């Protein structure tokens, strides 16, 4: 570990360090140095003793900054948000959408991510599909245990470590 200096725009400081064992470098930027969401190129130039000219590595779209909260939606449940006498005897699909765009693009970074939701104290997971949708099946035994007004609480954490949470109520309406 030697420490080096970095320059981002007009800001210059450290620490940038190099690990010779695993041949990686690390740069810790203070808060606010790169403030805007975006996709950035990264360039590194090393001029060391014995080099005839600096060694340079420039890559495109290597650094992505996203502070935006993903958009997480739970769709209408059981067609009308009411579970009736026949629906209480069947498995129930909980579904929705997630959108988490790569800054400056229309690419949904949520694809392949996991939505976790709870219903009546039980936890379920769903994988976000290529169109941004997700769904999971609540088994018959869990549906049969529902009563009154139940709340589905869903959460999604993006690849940028930004989280979205949402709730959706469904009413169980069966004759006594």
Protein backbone atom coordinates (compact mmCIF):
# COMPACT_ATOMS: atom_id res chain seq x y z
CA UNK A 1 0.00 0.00 0.00
CA UNK A 2 1.23 3.28 -1.25
CA UNK A 3 -1.14 6.22 -1.35
CA UNK A 4 -1.64 8.34 -4.43
CA UNK A 5 -3.54 11.44 -5.43
CA UNK A 6 -6.61 11.63 -7.59
CA UNK A 7 -8.10 14.38 -9.69
CA UNK A 8 -11.85 14.49 -10.34
CA UNK A 9 -12.80 17.59 -12.28
CA UNK A 10 -11.01 20.31 -10.37
CA UNK A 11 -10.87 18.47 -7.02
CA UNK A 12 -7.59 16.83 -6.06
CA UNK A 13 -6.82 14.80 -2.96
CA UNK A 14 -6.36 11.26 -1.63
CA UNK A 15 -6.53 8.50 -0.68
CA UNK A 16 -6.08 6.28 -3.69
CA UNK A 17 -4.24 3.12 -2.74
CA UNK A 18 -2.84 0.12 -4.60
CA UNK A 19 -2.73 -3.44 -3.28
CA UNK A 20 0.25 -5.19 -4.89
CA UNK A 21 -0.84 -8.63 -3.65
CA UNK A 22 -4.14 -8.76 -5.54
CA UNK A 23 -3.21 -5.98 -8.00
CA UNK A 24 -6.21 -3.77 -7.35
CA UNK A 25 -6.53 -0.09 -6.60
CA UNK A 26 -9.11 1.59 -4.43
CA UNK A 27 -10.32 5.16 -4.45
CA UNK A 28 -12.42 6.57 -1.64
CA UNK A 29 -14.15 9.77 -2.70
CA UNK A 30 -15.40 12.24 -0.13
CA UNK A 31 -19.12 13.00 -0.19
CA UNK A 32 -20.12 15.49 -2.85
CA UNK A 33 -17.12 15.07 -5.20
CA UNK A 34 -19.38 13.41 -7.77
CA UNK A 35 -22.83 14.68 -6.96
CA UNK A 36 -24.90 13.96 -10.04
CA UNK A 37 -26.39 10.62 -11.00
CA UNK A 38 -24.73 9.36 -14.14
CA UNK A 39 -22.45 6.88 -15.86
CA UNK A 40 -18.81 7.92 -15.83
CA UNK A 41 -15.64 6.86 -17.62
CA UNK A 42 -12.67 6.02 -15.42
CA UNK A 43 -9.10 6.70 -16.45
CA UNK A 44 -5.94 5.79 -14.56
CA UNK A 45 -2.46 6.87 -15.52
CA UNK A 46 0.61 5.65 -13.64
CA UNK A 47 4.05 7.14 -14.15
CA UNK A 48 6.54 5.25 -12.01
CA UNK A 49 10.31 5.12 -11.81
CA UNK A 50 11.56 3.03 -14.72
CA UNK A 51 8.58 3.68 -16.98
CA UNK A 52 9.53 5.25 -20.30
CA UNK A 53 6.02 6.70 -20.51
CA UNK A 54 2.95 6.59 -18.25
CA UNK A 55 0.85 3.41 -18.22
CA UNK A 56 -2.77 4.30 -18.93
CA UNK A 57 -6.06 2.45 -18.53
CA UNK A 58 -9.22 4.24 -19.66
CA UNK A 59 -12.57 2.49 -19.56
CA UNK A 60 -16.02 3.56 -20.65
CA UNK A 61 -19.13 3.48 -18.48
CA UNK A 62 -17.29 1.86 -15.58
CA UNK A 63 -18.59 3.99 -12.72
CA UNK A 64 -22.34 4.36 -12.16
CA UNK A 65 -23.68 6.80 -9.59
CA UNK A 66 -27.36 6.44 -8.74
CA UNK A 67 -29.02 7.91 -5.70
CA UNK A 68 -32.53 7.57 -7.11
CA UNK A 69 -35.12 5.48 -5.32
CA UNK A 70 -36.46 2.61 -7.45
CA UNK A 71 -40.19 2.60 -8.26
CA UNK A 72 -41.92 -0.40 -6.68
CA UNK A 73 -45.60 -1.18 -7.30
CA UNK A 74 -47.89 -3.92 -5.99
CA UNK A 75 -50.71 -4.66 -8.43
CA UNK A 76 -54.38 -5.05 -7.52
CA UNK A 77 -54.79 -8.31 -5.58
CA UNK A 78 -57.48 -10.89 -6.48
CA UNK A 79 -58.79 -8.62 -9.25
CA UNK A 80 -60.44 -6.11 -6.89
CA UNK A 81 -58.37 -6.14 -3.65
CA UNK A 82 -61.08 -8.29 -2.04
CA UNK A 83 -60.60 -11.99 -1.33
CA UNK A 84 -64.02 -13.67 -1.47
CA UNK A 85 -65.23 -17.10 -0.34
CA UNK A 86 -64.03 -18.94 -3.45
CA UNK A 87 -60.67 -17.10 -3.59
CA UNK A 88 -59.86 -17.93 0.06
CA UNK A 89 -59.76 -21.59 -1.03
CA UNK A 90 -57.10 -21.10 -3.73
CA UNK A 91 -53.49 -20.01 -4.03
CA UNK A 92 -53.10 -16.27 -4.51
CA UNK A 93 -50.72 -14.49 -6.88
CA UNK A 94 -49.14 -11.28 -5.59
CA UNK A 95 -47.53 -9.31 -8.41
CA UNK A 96 -46.20 -5.91 -9.36
CA UNK A 97 -43.49 -3.98 -11.15
CA UNK A 98 -40.10 -2.48 -10.37
CA UNK A 99 -38.28 0.22 -12.29
CA UNK A 100 -34.71 1.26 -11.46
CA UNK A 101 -33.21 2.95 -14.49
CA UNK A 102 -29.47 3.14 -15.09
CA UNK A 103 -28.86 6.92 -15.03
CA UNK A 104 -29.24 8.52 -18.44
CA UNK A 105 -30.67 5.36 -20.06
CA UNK A 106 -33.90 3.42 -20.38
CA UNK A 107 -32.22 0.23 -19.08
CA UNK A 108 -33.98 -1.24 -16.05
CA UNK A 109 -31.27 -2.27 -13.56
CA UNK A 110 -33.92 -4.03 -11.45
CA UNK A 111 -34.07 -6.99 -13.85
CA UNK A 112 -32.92 -10.13 -12.06
CA UNK A 113 -33.23 -8.45 -8.67
CA UNK A 114 -35.37 -9.72 -5.81
CA UNK A 115 -38.58 -8.28 -4.41
CA UNK A 116 -39.35 -9.44 -0.89
CA UNK A 117 -42.83 -9.09 0.55
CA UNK A 118 -44.66 -10.12 3.68
CA UNK A 119 -48.29 -11.07 4.09
CA UNK A 120 -49.74 -12.13 7.44
CA UNK A 121 -46.25 -12.47 8.94
CA UNK A 122 -44.95 -14.77 6.20
CA UNK A 123 -42.18 -13.73 3.83
CA UNK A 124 -42.13 -14.40 0.08
CA UNK A 125 -39.65 -13.54 -2.67
CA UNK A 126 -39.99 -12.89 -6.38
CA UNK A 127 -37.42 -12.29 -9.12
CA UNK A 128 -37.85 -9.26 -11.37
CA UNK A 129 -38.37 -10.44 -14.96
CA UNK A 130 -37.01 -8.84 -18.13
CA UNK A 131 -40.10 -6.65 -18.49
CA UNK A 132 -39.81 -5.32 -14.92
CA UNK A 133 -42.65 -7.44 -13.55
CA UNK A 134 -42.50 -9.76 -10.56
CA UNK A 135 -44.91 -12.26 -9.02
CA UNK A 136 -45.05 -14.95 -6.37
CA UNK A 137 -47.66 -17.48 -5.36
CA UNK A 138 -49.05 -17.50 -1.83
CA UNK A 139 -50.03 -21.11 -1.05
CA UNK A 140 -53.60 -22.16 -0.24
CA UNK A 141 -52.78 -22.83 3.42
CA UNK A 142 -51.48 -19.25 3.87
CA UNK A 143 -54.46 -17.72 2.02
CA UNK A 144 -56.91 -19.70 4.17
CA UNK A 145 -55.34 -18.15 7.30
CA UNK A 146 -56.05 -14.56 6.15
CA UNK A 147 -58.81 -12.49 7.75
CA UNK A 148 -60.04 -8.91 7.91
CA UNK A 149 -57.82 -6.34 6.22
CA UNK A 150 -54.35 -7.65 5.43
CA UNK A 151 -51.36 -5.57 4.30
CA UNK A 152 -48.78 -6.72 1.78
CA UNK A 153 -45.49 -4.98 2.57
CA UNK A 154 -42.93 -5.14 -0.25
CA UNK A 155 -39.33 -4.02 -0.49
CA UNK A 156 -36.70 -3.91 -3.21
CA UNK A 157 -33.03 -2.94 -2.89
CA UNK A 158 -31.28 -1.89 -6.09
CA UNK A 159 -27.79 -2.82 -7.27
CA UNK A 160 -26.90 0.72 -6.21
CA UNK A 161 -28.09 -0.07 -2.66
CA UNK A 162 -31.13 2.23 -2.91
CA UNK A 163 -34.31 0.82 -1.37
CA UNK A 164 -37.98 1.15 -2.22
CA UNK A 165 -40.84 0.08 0.05
CA UNK A 166 -44.56 -0.01 -0.58
CA UNK A 167 -47.71 -1.35 1.06
CA UNK A 168 -50.98 -2.58 -0.41
CA UNK A 169 -54.13 -3.62 1.48
CA UNK A 170 -56.43 -6.50 0.62
CA UNK A 171 -59.71 -7.23 2.38
CA UNK A 172 -60.88 -10.76 3.18
CA UNK A 173 -64.67 -10.73 2.76
CA UNK A 174 -66.22 -14.11 3.44
CA UNK A 175 -69.62 -14.76 5.05
CA UNK A 176 -69.49 -15.93 8.65
